[in-house]
Amino acid sequence: MARTYDQYCAVARALETVGERWTMLVVRELLLGPRRFTDLMEELPGISTNVLATRLKDLEDAGLVRKRTLPPPAGSTVYELGDNAAGLGYVAAAMAAWGMTLLGPPRKTEHVPARSLVLSLAVTTVLPAGFEDATFELHVDDEVLALRAEHGCLAPSQGPATAPAAVITATARTLAGLAFGADDLDRSLVRGLITIEGDEAAGGSLLEHLTTPRVSASGR
């Protein structure tokens, strides 16, 4: 039986739908594009197959997630956000913006998921006036993501970019360290922890804004 708060309240109604443990992290994984069940299991260490299957089924029943089969030769079954999930992007972005003030540098034992880190950095980055609109391609751990700079904002998406100004390669831990002041961008470039192919000036400028140290209120 679905949990209910028995309150006529928009927040309560939203939590009845997406407030269960792991649900918003499943949504997070689908924000940038379709994912297979095995992809979700890999990026959500600690979740059981039964819990993930239940959360996906609940989201399907609520019209927030749909399941489809990719055309050949892939033929894989993937999950993606449905039409009713459009507003969840704003919810996740607001949670990421607030959560970044609590996060701090990653602990050694913590899994640092590349997709969610790039998403969180992107939605908390404000580009200055005059920053050229352009598309960049990020290779972070095993993920390939496109990052579109437009009208002072950054919009990430799944997969390679079309005609990127620069291709940037780094690990998620390196980006997290830069974002929380544990390392320096110039030093990371010299040490080869980050590489830029293509327009190095544009790629460097993007990285400067993307990894501007965030202030953490957590004290970590």
N, C-alpha and C. Protein backbone atom coordinates (compact mmCIF):
# COMPACT_ATOMS: atom_id res chain seq x y z
N MET A 1 0.85 -1.20 0.00
CA MET A 1 0.00 0.00 0.00
C MET A 1 0.88 1.24 0.00
N ALA A 2 0.59 2.21 -0.85
CA ALA A 2 1.39 3.42 -0.95
C ALA A 2 1.29 4.24 0.32
N ARG A 3 2.40 4.83 0.73
CA ARG A 3 2.42 5.66 1.93
C ARG A 3 1.69 6.98 1.64
N THR A 4 0.91 7.41 2.60
CA THR A 4 0.22 8.68 2.45
C THR A 4 0.35 9.49 3.73
N TYR A 5 0.40 10.80 3.59
CA TYR A 5 0.48 11.69 4.75
C TYR A 5 -0.89 12.19 5.19
N ASP A 6 -1.91 11.86 4.40
CA ASP A 6 -3.27 12.32 4.70
C ASP A 6 -3.34 13.84 4.89
N GLN A 7 -2.64 14.56 4.04
CA GLN A 7 -2.66 16.02 4.08
C GLN A 7 -2.90 16.55 2.67
N TYR A 8 -3.78 17.52 2.57
CA TYR A 8 -4.00 18.18 1.29
C TYR A 8 -2.93 19.26 1.15
N CYS A 9 -1.77 18.83 0.68
CA CYS A 9 -0.58 19.68 0.63
C CYS A 9 0.25 19.26 -0.57
N ALA A 10 0.69 20.24 -1.36
CA ALA A 10 1.46 19.92 -2.57
C ALA A 10 2.77 19.22 -2.22
N VAL A 11 3.45 19.66 -1.16
CA VAL A 11 4.71 19.03 -0.77
C VAL A 11 4.46 17.59 -0.33
N ALA A 12 3.41 17.39 0.47
CA ALA A 12 3.09 16.03 0.92
C ALA A 12 2.76 15.13 -0.27
N ARG A 13 1.99 15.65 -1.22
CA ARG A 13 1.61 14.84 -2.38
C ARG A 13 2.84 14.48 -3.21
N ALA A 14 3.78 15.43 -3.34
CA ALA A 14 5.01 15.15 -4.08
C ALA A 14 5.83 14.08 -3.38
N LEU A 15 5.92 14.18 -2.04
CA LEU A 15 6.71 13.20 -1.29
C LEU A 15 6.07 11.82 -1.31
N GLU A 16 4.75 11.77 -1.40
CA GLU A 16 4.09 10.47 -1.52
C GLU A 16 4.50 9.77 -2.81
N THR A 17 4.89 10.56 -3.81
CA THR A 17 5.25 10.00 -5.12
C THR A 17 6.75 9.72 -5.24
N VAL A 18 7.58 10.65 -4.76
CA VAL A 18 9.03 10.49 -4.98
C VAL A 18 9.83 10.54 -3.68
N GLY A 19 9.16 10.41 -2.54
CA GLY A 19 9.86 10.56 -1.27
C GLY A 19 10.49 9.29 -0.72
N GLU A 20 10.25 8.14 -1.34
CA GLU A 20 10.86 6.91 -0.85
C GLU A 20 12.38 6.93 -1.08
N ARG A 21 13.10 6.22 -0.21
CA ARG A 21 14.55 6.14 -0.33
C ARG A 21 14.94 5.61 -1.71
N TRP A 22 15.91 6.23 -2.33
CA TRP A 22 16.49 5.91 -3.64
C TRP A 22 15.70 6.50 -4.81
N THR A 23 14.45 6.89 -4.62
CA THR A 23 13.63 7.29 -5.76
C THR A 23 14.23 8.48 -6.50
N MET A 24 14.60 9.54 -5.78
CA MET A 24 15.14 10.71 -6.46
C MET A 24 16.51 10.44 -7.06
N LEU A 25 17.25 9.47 -6.53
CA LEU A 25 18.53 9.12 -7.15
C LEU A 25 18.31 8.36 -8.45
N VAL A 26 17.25 7.58 -8.51
CA VAL A 26 16.89 6.94 -9.78
C VAL A 26 16.52 8.02 -10.80
N VAL A 27 15.72 8.99 -10.37
CA VAL A 27 15.36 10.11 -11.25
C VAL A 27 16.62 10.84 -11.71
N ARG A 28 17.54 11.10 -10.78
CA ARG A 28 18.80 11.77 -11.12
C ARG A 28 19.52 11.07 -12.25
N GLU A 29 19.56 9.74 -12.19
CA GLU A 29 20.28 8.97 -13.21
C GLU A 29 19.61 9.06 -14.57
N LEU A 30 18.32 9.37 -14.60
CA LEU A 30 17.59 9.41 -15.87
C LEU A 30 17.49 10.82 -16.45
N LEU A 31 17.95 11.82 -15.70
CA LEU A 31 17.81 13.19 -16.17
C LEU A 31 18.60 13.47 -17.44
N LEU A 32 19.73 12.80 -17.63
CA LEU A 32 20.57 13.07 -18.80
C LEU A 32 20.27 12.15 -19.98
N GLY A 33 19.40 11.15 -19.78
CA GLY A 33 19.07 10.27 -20.89
C GLY A 33 18.71 8.87 -20.42
N PRO A 34 18.26 8.02 -21.33
CA PRO A 34 17.82 6.67 -20.98
C PRO A 34 18.95 5.83 -20.40
N ARG A 35 18.58 4.92 -19.49
CA ARG A 35 19.56 4.03 -18.86
C ARG A 35 18.99 2.62 -18.78
N ARG A 36 19.89 1.64 -18.91
CA ARG A 36 19.50 0.25 -18.72
C ARG A 36 19.43 -0.05 -17.22
N PHE A 37 18.76 -1.13 -16.88
CA PHE A 37 18.67 -1.55 -15.48
C PHE A 37 20.07 -1.77 -14.91
N THR A 38 20.95 -2.40 -15.70
CA THR A 38 22.31 -2.66 -15.23
C THR A 38 23.09 -1.36 -15.03
N ASP A 39 22.83 -0.36 -15.87
CA ASP A 39 23.48 0.95 -15.70
C ASP A 39 23.08 1.56 -14.35
N LEU A 40 21.80 1.47 -14.04
CA LEU A 40 21.30 2.03 -12.79
C LEU A 40 21.89 1.30 -11.59
N MET A 41 21.98 -0.01 -11.68
CA MET A 41 22.57 -0.78 -10.59
C MET A 41 24.02 -0.37 -10.36
N GLU A 42 24.74 -0.15 -11.45
CA GLU A 42 26.15 0.21 -11.34
C GLU A 42 26.34 1.59 -10.71
N GLU A 43 25.47 2.53 -11.04
CA GLU A 43 25.63 3.89 -10.55
C GLU A 43 24.96 4.14 -9.20
N LEU A 44 24.26 3.12 -8.70
CA LEU A 44 23.60 3.25 -7.39
C LEU A 44 24.08 2.14 -6.47
N PRO A 45 25.38 2.11 -6.16
CA PRO A 45 25.90 1.05 -5.28
C PRO A 45 25.19 1.11 -3.92
N GLY A 46 24.77 -0.04 -3.45
CA GLY A 46 24.05 -0.09 -2.19
C GLY A 46 22.58 -0.40 -2.36
N ILE A 47 22.04 -0.17 -3.56
CA ILE A 47 20.65 -0.50 -3.81
C ILE A 47 20.56 -1.97 -4.21
N SER A 48 19.51 -2.64 -3.79
CA SER A 48 19.31 -4.03 -4.19
C SER A 48 18.50 -4.09 -5.48
N THR A 49 18.59 -5.21 -6.16
CA THR A 49 17.83 -5.36 -7.41
C THR A 49 16.33 -5.26 -7.15
N ASN A 50 15.88 -5.81 -6.03
CA ASN A 50 14.45 -5.77 -5.71
C ASN A 50 13.97 -4.34 -5.46
N VAL A 51 14.78 -3.58 -4.72
CA VAL A 51 14.40 -2.19 -4.42
C VAL A 51 14.39 -1.37 -5.70
N LEU A 52 15.41 -1.53 -6.55
CA LEU A 52 15.45 -0.78 -7.80
C LEU A 52 14.26 -1.13 -8.68
N ALA A 53 13.95 -2.42 -8.79
CA ALA A 53 12.80 -2.84 -9.60
C ALA A 53 11.50 -2.23 -9.06
N THR A 54 11.38 -2.19 -7.73
CA THR A 54 10.18 -1.63 -7.11
C THR A 54 10.08 -0.13 -7.37
N ARG A 55 11.20 0.58 -7.22
CA ARG A 55 11.18 2.03 -7.44
C ARG A 55 10.84 2.35 -8.89
N LEU A 56 11.40 1.61 -9.83
CA LEU A 56 11.10 1.83 -11.24
C LEU A 56 9.63 1.55 -11.53
N LYS A 57 9.11 0.48 -10.94
CA LYS A 57 7.69 0.14 -11.15
C LYS A 57 6.79 1.23 -10.58
N ASP A 58 7.12 1.74 -9.39
CA ASP A 58 6.32 2.81 -8.79
C ASP A 58 6.35 4.07 -9.67
N LEU A 59 7.54 4.38 -10.20
CA LEU A 59 7.66 5.56 -11.06
C LEU A 59 6.91 5.36 -12.38
N GLU A 60 6.92 4.13 -12.90
CA GLU A 60 6.14 3.83 -14.10
C GLU A 60 4.65 4.00 -13.82
N ASP A 61 4.18 3.47 -12.69
CA ASP A 61 2.76 3.55 -12.34
C ASP A 61 2.33 5.01 -12.18
N ALA A 62 3.27 5.86 -11.74
CA ALA A 62 2.95 7.28 -11.56
C ALA A 62 3.09 8.07 -12.85
N GLY A 63 3.49 7.41 -13.93
CA GLY A 63 3.65 8.08 -15.21
C GLY A 63 4.90 8.92 -15.31
N LEU A 64 5.85 8.70 -14.40
CA LEU A 64 7.08 9.49 -14.39
C LEU A 64 8.21 8.82 -15.16
N VAL A 65 8.12 7.53 -15.34
CA VAL A 65 9.15 6.76 -16.07
C VAL A 65 8.45 5.85 -17.06
N ARG A 66 9.05 5.68 -18.20
CA ARG A 66 8.56 4.69 -19.16
C ARG A 66 9.71 3.78 -19.59
N LYS A 67 9.33 2.60 -20.06
CA LYS A 67 10.31 1.60 -20.48
C LYS A 67 10.15 1.37 -21.97
N ARG A 68 11.27 1.30 -22.69
CA ARG A 68 11.18 1.02 -24.12
C ARG A 68 12.39 0.21 -24.56
N THR A 69 12.31 -0.36 -25.74
CA THR A 69 13.39 -1.16 -26.30
C THR A 69 14.08 -0.38 -27.41
N LEU A 70 15.40 -0.28 -27.31
CA LEU A 70 16.15 0.44 -28.33
C LEU A 70 16.12 -0.33 -29.65
N PRO A 71 16.19 0.36 -30.78
CA PRO A 71 16.19 -0.33 -32.07
C PRO A 71 17.49 -1.12 -32.26
N PRO A 72 17.48 -2.11 -33.18
CA PRO A 72 18.70 -2.86 -33.48
C PRO A 72 19.80 -1.92 -33.95
N PRO A 73 21.08 -2.25 -33.74
CA PRO A 73 21.54 -3.53 -33.19
C PRO A 73 21.56 -3.59 -31.67
N ALA A 74 21.28 -2.49 -30.98
CA ALA A 74 21.37 -2.49 -29.52
C ALA A 74 20.31 -3.44 -28.93
N GLY A 75 19.05 -3.14 -29.18
CA GLY A 75 17.98 -4.01 -28.71
C GLY A 75 17.81 -4.05 -27.21
N SER A 76 18.47 -3.15 -26.48
CA SER A 76 18.40 -3.17 -25.02
C SER A 76 17.12 -2.50 -24.53
N THR A 77 16.65 -2.95 -23.38
CA THR A 77 15.53 -2.30 -22.72
C THR A 77 16.08 -1.19 -21.84
N VAL A 78 15.53 0.00 -21.99
CA VAL A 78 16.00 1.15 -21.21
C VAL A 78 14.82 1.81 -20.52
N TYR A 79 15.16 2.56 -19.48
CA TYR A 79 14.19 3.37 -18.75
C TYR A 79 14.49 4.83 -19.02
N GLU A 80 13.45 5.62 -19.16
CA GLU A 80 13.63 7.05 -19.40
C GLU A 80 12.50 7.81 -18.72
N LEU A 81 12.72 9.09 -18.48
CA LEU A 81 11.69 9.90 -17.84
C LEU A 81 10.51 10.09 -18.79
N GLY A 82 9.31 10.05 -18.24
CA GLY A 82 8.11 10.24 -19.02
C GLY A 82 7.69 11.70 -19.06
N ASP A 83 6.62 11.96 -19.78
CA ASP A 83 6.14 13.33 -19.96
C ASP A 83 5.77 13.98 -18.62
N ASN A 84 5.24 13.20 -17.69
CA ASN A 84 4.81 13.75 -16.41
C ASN A 84 5.98 14.12 -15.50
N ALA A 85 7.21 13.77 -15.90
CA ALA A 85 8.38 14.00 -15.05
C ALA A 85 9.09 15.31 -15.35
N ALA A 86 8.54 16.12 -16.25
CA ALA A 86 9.24 17.34 -16.67
C ALA A 86 9.62 18.22 -15.48
N GLY A 87 8.73 18.37 -14.52
CA GLY A 87 9.01 19.24 -13.39
C GLY A 87 10.07 18.70 -12.44
N LEU A 88 10.35 17.41 -12.50
CA LEU A 88 11.34 16.83 -11.60
C LEU A 88 12.75 17.34 -11.89
N GLY A 89 13.00 17.80 -13.12
CA GLY A 89 14.30 18.38 -13.42
C GLY A 89 14.57 19.61 -12.58
N TYR A 90 13.53 20.45 -12.41
CA TYR A 90 13.67 21.65 -11.58
C TYR A 90 13.84 21.27 -10.11
N VAL A 91 13.13 20.24 -9.68
CA VAL A 91 13.26 19.78 -8.29
C VAL A 91 14.68 19.29 -8.03
N ALA A 92 15.20 18.46 -8.94
CA ALA A 92 16.55 17.92 -8.78
C ALA A 92 17.59 19.03 -8.82
N ALA A 93 17.40 20.02 -9.70
CA ALA A 93 18.34 21.13 -9.79
C ALA A 93 18.37 21.93 -8.50
N ALA A 94 17.19 22.19 -7.92
CA ALA A 94 17.13 22.93 -6.67
C ALA A 94 17.77 22.14 -5.54
N MET A 95 17.54 20.84 -5.50
CA MET A 95 18.16 20.00 -4.48
C MET A 95 19.67 19.97 -4.65
N ALA A 96 20.14 19.93 -5.90
CA ALA A 96 21.59 19.92 -6.16
C ALA A 96 22.22 21.23 -5.70
N ALA A 97 21.56 22.35 -6.00
CA ALA A 97 22.11 23.66 -5.62
C ALA A 97 22.24 23.78 -4.11
N TRP A 98 21.24 23.33 -3.38
CA TRP A 98 21.30 23.36 -1.92
C TRP A 98 22.29 22.32 -1.40
N GLY A 99 22.24 21.12 -2.00
CA GLY A 99 23.11 20.04 -1.55
C GLY A 99 24.59 20.34 -1.73
N MET A 100 24.93 21.14 -2.74
CA MET A 100 26.34 21.49 -2.95
C MET A 100 26.89 22.29 -1.78
N THR A 101 26.03 23.00 -1.05
CA THR A 101 26.50 23.76 0.11
C THR A 101 26.78 22.85 1.30
N LEU A 102 26.33 21.60 1.21
CA LEU A 102 26.51 20.64 2.30
C LEU A 102 27.57 19.59 1.99
N LEU A 103 27.99 19.51 0.74
CA LEU A 103 28.72 18.35 0.26
C LEU A 103 30.16 18.28 0.76
N GLY A 104 30.98 19.27 0.41
CA GLY A 104 32.40 19.21 0.75
C GLY A 104 33.14 18.22 -0.13
N PRO A 105 34.47 18.10 0.03
CA PRO A 105 35.25 17.16 -0.78
C PRO A 105 34.79 15.72 -0.53
N PRO A 106 34.94 14.84 -1.53
CA PRO A 106 34.49 13.46 -1.34
C PRO A 106 35.37 12.71 -0.34
N ARG A 107 34.74 11.89 0.48
CA ARG A 107 35.48 11.00 1.36
C ARG A 107 36.11 9.89 0.52
N LYS A 108 37.18 9.31 1.03
CA LYS A 108 37.89 8.27 0.27
C LYS A 108 37.02 7.07 -0.04
N THR A 109 36.07 6.77 0.83
CA THR A 109 35.23 5.59 0.64
C THR A 109 33.98 5.87 -0.18
N GLU A 110 33.73 7.14 -0.52
CA GLU A 110 32.50 7.48 -1.23
C GLU A 110 32.62 7.26 -2.73
N HIS A 111 31.58 6.66 -3.30
CA HIS A 111 31.47 6.57 -4.76
C HIS A 111 31.17 7.96 -5.30
N VAL A 112 31.90 8.38 -6.32
CA VAL A 112 31.69 9.70 -6.93
C VAL A 112 31.12 9.49 -8.33
N PRO A 113 29.80 9.47 -8.49
CA PRO A 113 29.20 9.22 -9.81
C PRO A 113 29.42 10.40 -10.75
N ALA A 114 30.01 10.11 -11.90
CA ALA A 114 30.40 11.16 -12.84
C ALA A 114 29.20 11.95 -13.34
N ARG A 115 28.13 11.26 -13.72
CA ARG A 115 26.96 11.93 -14.30
C ARG A 115 26.35 12.93 -13.32
N SER A 116 26.14 12.49 -12.09
CA SER A 116 25.48 13.37 -11.13
C SER A 116 26.40 14.52 -10.72
N LEU A 117 27.72 14.27 -10.68
CA LEU A 117 28.64 15.36 -10.35
C LEU A 117 28.61 16.43 -11.42
N VAL A 118 28.70 16.02 -12.69
CA VAL A 118 28.66 17.00 -13.78
C VAL A 118 27.33 17.74 -13.77
N LEU A 119 26.24 17.03 -13.53
CA LEU A 119 24.92 17.67 -13.47
C LEU A 119 24.88 18.71 -12.36
N SER A 120 25.38 18.34 -11.17
CA SER A 120 25.37 19.27 -10.04
C SER A 120 26.26 20.48 -10.29
N LEU A 121 27.44 20.25 -10.87
CA LEU A 121 28.32 21.37 -11.18
C LEU A 121 27.69 22.27 -12.23
N ALA A 122 27.04 21.66 -13.22
CA ALA A 122 26.45 22.45 -14.31
C ALA A 122 25.34 23.36 -13.81
N VAL A 123 24.46 22.83 -12.97
CA VAL A 123 23.30 23.63 -12.55
C VAL A 123 23.68 24.67 -11.51
N THR A 124 24.88 24.56 -10.95
CA THR A 124 25.32 25.58 -9.97
C THR A 124 26.39 26.49 -10.55
N THR A 125 26.61 26.43 -11.86
CA THR A 125 27.57 27.29 -12.53
C THR A 125 26.85 28.44 -13.22
N VAL A 126 27.31 29.65 -12.97
CA VAL A 126 26.78 30.83 -13.64
C VAL A 126 27.90 31.40 -14.52
N LEU A 127 27.67 31.41 -15.82
CA LEU A 127 28.69 31.91 -16.75
C LEU A 127 28.61 33.44 -16.82
N PRO A 128 29.75 34.11 -16.92
CA PRO A 128 29.74 35.57 -16.96
C PRO A 128 29.26 36.09 -18.31
N ALA A 129 28.86 37.34 -18.33
CA ALA A 129 28.46 37.97 -19.58
C ALA A 129 29.65 37.95 -20.54
N GLY A 130 29.39 37.62 -21.78
CA GLY A 130 30.46 37.57 -22.76
C GLY A 130 31.03 36.19 -22.98
N PHE A 131 30.66 35.23 -22.13
CA PHE A 131 31.14 33.86 -22.36
C PHE A 131 30.48 33.33 -23.63
N GLU A 132 31.31 32.86 -24.55
CA GLU A 132 30.79 32.43 -25.85
C GLU A 132 29.91 31.19 -25.72
N ASP A 133 28.76 31.23 -26.37
CA ASP A 133 27.93 30.03 -26.45
C ASP A 133 28.67 28.98 -27.25
N ALA A 134 28.78 27.79 -26.71
CA ALA A 134 29.52 26.72 -27.37
C ALA A 134 29.14 25.39 -26.75
N THR A 135 29.51 24.31 -27.42
CA THR A 135 29.28 22.97 -26.90
C THR A 135 30.63 22.32 -26.61
N PHE A 136 30.70 21.61 -25.50
CA PHE A 136 31.90 20.92 -25.09
C PHE A 136 31.59 19.45 -24.86
N GLU A 137 32.62 18.63 -24.97
CA GLU A 137 32.45 17.20 -24.69
C GLU A 137 33.31 16.83 -23.50
N LEU A 138 32.71 16.18 -22.51
CA LEU A 138 33.41 15.77 -21.31
C LEU A 138 33.53 14.26 -21.25
N HIS A 139 34.75 13.78 -21.02
CA HIS A 139 34.99 12.37 -20.75
C HIS A 139 35.36 12.28 -19.27
N VAL A 140 34.42 11.84 -18.47
CA VAL A 140 34.62 11.77 -17.03
C VAL A 140 34.45 10.32 -16.59
N ASP A 141 35.55 9.73 -16.14
CA ASP A 141 35.59 8.30 -15.85
C ASP A 141 35.12 7.54 -17.10
N ASP A 142 34.07 6.75 -17.00
CA ASP A 142 33.59 5.99 -18.17
C ASP A 142 32.45 6.68 -18.89
N GLU A 143 32.12 7.89 -18.49
CA GLU A 143 30.98 8.59 -19.08
C GLU A 143 31.44 9.59 -20.15
N VAL A 144 30.63 9.70 -21.21
CA VAL A 144 30.83 10.73 -22.23
C VAL A 144 29.59 11.60 -22.22
N LEU A 145 29.80 12.90 -21.95
CA LEU A 145 28.70 13.83 -21.80
C LEU A 145 28.93 15.07 -22.64
N ALA A 146 27.86 15.66 -23.12
CA ALA A 146 27.93 16.94 -23.82
C ALA A 146 27.52 18.04 -22.86
N LEU A 147 28.15 19.18 -22.99
CA LEU A 147 27.85 20.32 -22.12
C LEU A 147 27.68 21.55 -22.99
N ARG A 148 26.46 22.05 -23.04
CA ARG A 148 26.14 23.21 -23.87
C ARG A 148 26.12 24.47 -23.03
N ALA A 149 26.96 25.44 -23.40
CA ALA A 149 26.97 26.74 -22.74
C ALA A 149 26.11 27.68 -23.57
N GLU A 150 25.06 28.21 -22.93
CA GLU A 150 24.12 29.05 -23.68
C GLU A 150 23.41 30.00 -22.73
N HIS A 151 23.45 31.29 -23.06
CA HIS A 151 22.74 32.32 -22.29
C HIS A 151 23.13 32.30 -20.81
N GLY A 152 24.41 32.08 -20.55
CA GLY A 152 24.91 32.14 -19.19
C GLY A 152 24.69 30.89 -18.36
N CYS A 153 24.15 29.84 -18.97
CA CYS A 153 23.88 28.60 -18.24
C CYS A 153 24.57 27.42 -18.93
N LEU A 154 24.69 26.33 -18.21
CA LEU A 154 25.25 25.10 -18.76
C LEU A 154 24.19 24.01 -18.74
N ALA A 155 24.03 23.33 -19.87
CA ALA A 155 23.04 22.27 -19.99
C ALA A 155 23.75 20.97 -20.37
N PRO A 156 23.84 20.00 -19.46
CA PRO A 156 24.49 18.73 -19.78
C PRO A 156 23.52 17.76 -20.44
N SER A 157 24.05 16.86 -21.25
CA SER A 157 23.25 15.80 -21.84
C SER A 157 24.13 14.57 -22.05
N GLN A 158 23.47 13.45 -22.23
CA GLN A 158 24.16 12.17 -22.36
C GLN A 158 24.72 12.00 -23.76
N GLY A 159 25.93 11.45 -23.88
CA GLY A 159 26.50 11.12 -25.17
C GLY A 159 27.44 12.18 -25.70
N PRO A 160 28.11 11.88 -26.81
CA PRO A 160 29.08 12.82 -27.38
C PRO A 160 28.42 14.09 -27.91
N ALA A 161 29.21 15.16 -27.95
CA ALA A 161 28.73 16.44 -28.47
C ALA A 161 28.94 16.52 -29.97
N THR A 162 28.12 17.32 -30.62
CA THR A 162 28.28 17.59 -32.05
C THR A 162 29.20 18.79 -32.24
N ALA A 163 30.31 18.60 -32.95
CA ALA A 163 31.27 19.67 -33.22
C ALA A 163 31.64 20.45 -31.95
N PRO A 164 32.18 19.76 -30.94
CA PRO A 164 32.53 20.45 -29.70
C PRO A 164 33.71 21.41 -29.90
N ALA A 165 33.68 22.52 -29.15
CA ALA A 165 34.81 23.45 -29.17
C ALA A 165 36.04 22.81 -28.55
N ALA A 166 35.83 21.96 -27.56
CA ALA A 166 36.94 21.27 -26.90
C ALA A 166 36.43 19.98 -26.28
N VAL A 167 37.33 19.03 -26.18
CA VAL A 167 37.05 17.76 -25.51
C VAL A 167 37.89 17.71 -24.24
N ILE A 168 37.25 17.57 -23.11
CA ILE A 168 37.91 17.62 -21.81
C ILE A 168 37.82 16.24 -21.17
N THR A 169 38.96 15.77 -20.68
CA THR A 169 39.03 14.46 -20.03
C THR A 169 39.52 14.63 -18.60
N ALA A 170 38.81 14.03 -17.66
CA ALA A 170 39.19 14.11 -16.25
C ALA A 170 38.48 12.99 -15.49
N THR A 171 38.88 12.78 -14.25
CA THR A 171 38.15 11.86 -13.39
C THR A 171 37.15 12.66 -12.57
N ALA A 172 36.13 11.97 -12.10
CA ALA A 172 35.12 12.64 -11.27
C ALA A 172 35.75 13.16 -9.98
N ARG A 173 36.66 12.40 -9.40
CA ARG A 173 37.30 12.84 -8.16
C ARG A 173 38.15 14.09 -8.39
N THR A 174 38.78 14.20 -9.54
CA THR A 174 39.56 15.41 -9.84
C THR A 174 38.65 16.62 -9.92
N LEU A 175 37.53 16.50 -10.62
CA LEU A 175 36.58 17.61 -10.73
C LEU A 175 36.01 17.97 -9.36
N ALA A 176 35.70 16.95 -8.55
CA ALA A 176 35.15 17.23 -7.22
C ALA A 176 36.19 17.94 -6.35
N GLY A 177 37.45 17.52 -6.46
CA GLY A 177 38.50 18.18 -5.70
C GLY A 177 38.67 19.63 -6.07
N LEU A 178 38.56 19.93 -7.36
CA LEU A 178 38.65 21.31 -7.82
C LEU A 178 37.46 22.13 -7.33
N ALA A 179 36.28 21.54 -7.38
CA ALA A 179 35.07 22.28 -7.01
C ALA A 179 35.02 22.63 -5.53
N PHE A 180 35.76 21.89 -4.71
CA PHE A 180 35.74 22.16 -3.28
C PHE A 180 37.11 22.57 -2.75
N GLY A 181 37.95 23.08 -3.68
CA GLY A 181 39.19 23.71 -3.27
C GLY A 181 40.28 22.78 -2.79
N ALA A 182 40.14 21.47 -3.06
CA ALA A 182 41.17 20.53 -2.62
C ALA A 182 42.33 20.47 -3.61
N ASP A 183 42.18 21.05 -4.79
CA ASP A 183 43.24 21.05 -5.78
C ASP A 183 43.13 22.31 -6.62
N ASP A 184 44.10 22.49 -7.51
CA ASP A 184 44.19 23.69 -8.32
C ASP A 184 44.12 23.30 -9.79
N LEU A 185 43.38 24.08 -10.60
CA LEU A 185 43.18 23.74 -12.00
C LEU A 185 44.49 23.72 -12.77
N ASP A 186 45.30 24.77 -12.63
CA ASP A 186 46.57 24.81 -13.37
C ASP A 186 47.45 23.63 -13.01
N ARG A 187 47.51 23.30 -11.74
CA ARG A 187 48.33 22.17 -11.30
C ARG A 187 47.79 20.86 -11.86
N SER A 188 46.47 20.72 -11.90
CA SER A 188 45.87 19.50 -12.44
C SER A 188 46.16 19.35 -13.93
N LEU A 189 46.17 20.47 -14.66
CA LEU A 189 46.49 20.44 -16.09
C LEU A 189 47.95 20.05 -16.30
N VAL A 190 48.84 20.63 -15.53
CA VAL A 190 50.28 20.33 -15.66
C VAL A 190 50.55 18.87 -15.34
N ARG A 191 49.87 18.36 -14.35
CA ARG A 191 50.09 16.96 -13.93
C ARG A 191 49.36 15.97 -14.84
N GLY A 192 48.60 16.45 -15.79
CA GLY A 192 47.89 15.56 -16.71
C GLY A 192 46.65 14.94 -16.13
N LEU A 193 46.18 15.45 -14.98
CA LEU A 193 44.96 14.92 -14.39
C LEU A 193 43.74 15.37 -15.19
N ILE A 194 43.90 16.48 -15.91
CA ILE A 194 42.89 16.98 -16.83
C ILE A 194 43.56 17.27 -18.16
N THR A 195 42.95 16.86 -19.27
CA THR A 195 43.47 17.19 -20.59
C THR A 195 42.39 17.90 -21.40
N ILE A 196 42.84 18.78 -22.29
CA ILE A 196 41.93 19.53 -23.17
C ILE A 196 42.40 19.35 -24.60
N GLU A 197 41.53 18.88 -25.47
CA GLU A 197 41.81 18.76 -26.89
C GLU A 197 40.91 19.74 -27.64
N GLY A 198 41.46 20.41 -28.63
CA GLY A 198 40.68 21.39 -29.38
C GLY A 198 41.05 22.80 -28.94
N ASP A 199 40.05 23.62 -28.73
CA ASP A 199 40.28 25.00 -28.32
C ASP A 199 40.64 25.02 -26.83
N GLU A 200 41.93 25.06 -26.54
CA GLU A 200 42.37 24.98 -25.16
C GLU A 200 41.92 26.18 -24.33
N ALA A 201 41.90 27.36 -24.97
CA ALA A 201 41.46 28.56 -24.24
C ALA A 201 39.99 28.44 -23.84
N ALA A 202 39.15 28.00 -24.77
CA ALA A 202 37.73 27.85 -24.47
C ALA A 202 37.50 26.76 -23.43
N GLY A 203 38.20 25.63 -23.60
CA GLY A 203 38.07 24.53 -22.65
C GLY A 203 38.54 24.94 -21.26
N GLY A 204 39.65 25.68 -21.21
CA GLY A 204 40.17 26.14 -19.93
C GLY A 204 39.22 27.10 -19.24
N SER A 205 38.62 27.99 -20.03
CA SER A 205 37.67 28.95 -19.48
C SER A 205 36.44 28.23 -18.92
N LEU A 206 35.95 27.24 -19.67
CA LEU A 206 34.82 26.46 -19.17
C LEU A 206 35.16 25.81 -17.84
N LEU A 207 36.33 25.18 -17.77
CA LEU A 207 36.72 24.49 -16.54
C LEU A 207 36.85 25.45 -15.37
N GLU A 208 37.36 26.64 -15.64
CA GLU A 208 37.50 27.63 -14.57
C GLU A 208 36.15 27.94 -13.93
N HIS A 209 35.12 28.09 -14.77
CA HIS A 209 33.79 28.40 -14.24
C HIS A 209 33.12 27.16 -13.66
N LEU A 210 33.29 26.03 -14.33
CA LEU A 210 32.64 24.79 -13.88
C LEU A 210 33.17 24.35 -12.52
N THR A 211 34.47 24.56 -12.28
CA THR A 211 35.08 24.06 -11.04
C THR A 211 35.43 25.19 -10.07
N THR A 212 34.79 26.35 -10.22
CA THR A 212 34.98 27.41 -9.23
C THR A 212 34.66 26.84 -7.86
N PRO A 213 35.57 26.93 -6.90
CA PRO A 213 35.34 26.29 -5.60
C PRO A 213 34.01 26.66 -4.98
N ARG A 214 33.24 25.65 -4.60
CA ARG A 214 31.98 25.86 -3.92
C ARG A 214 32.22 25.95 -2.41
N VAL A 215 31.48 26.79 -1.76
CA VAL A 215 31.59 26.91 -0.30
C VAL A 215 30.74 25.84 0.34
N SER A 216 31.35 25.05 1.22
CA SER A 216 30.62 24.00 1.91
C SER A 216 30.28 24.43 3.32
N ALA A 217 29.04 24.21 3.71
CA ALA A 217 28.61 24.52 5.07
C ALA A 217 28.74 23.32 5.98
N SER A 218 29.28 22.21 5.45
CA SER A 218 29.31 20.98 6.23
C SER A 218 30.51 20.89 7.16
N GLY A 219 31.52 21.71 6.88
CA GLY A 219 32.72 21.67 7.71
C GLY A 219 33.63 20.53 7.38
N ARG A 220 33.36 19.77 6.32
CA ARG A 220 34.22 18.66 5.95
C ARG A 220 35.39 19.15 5.13
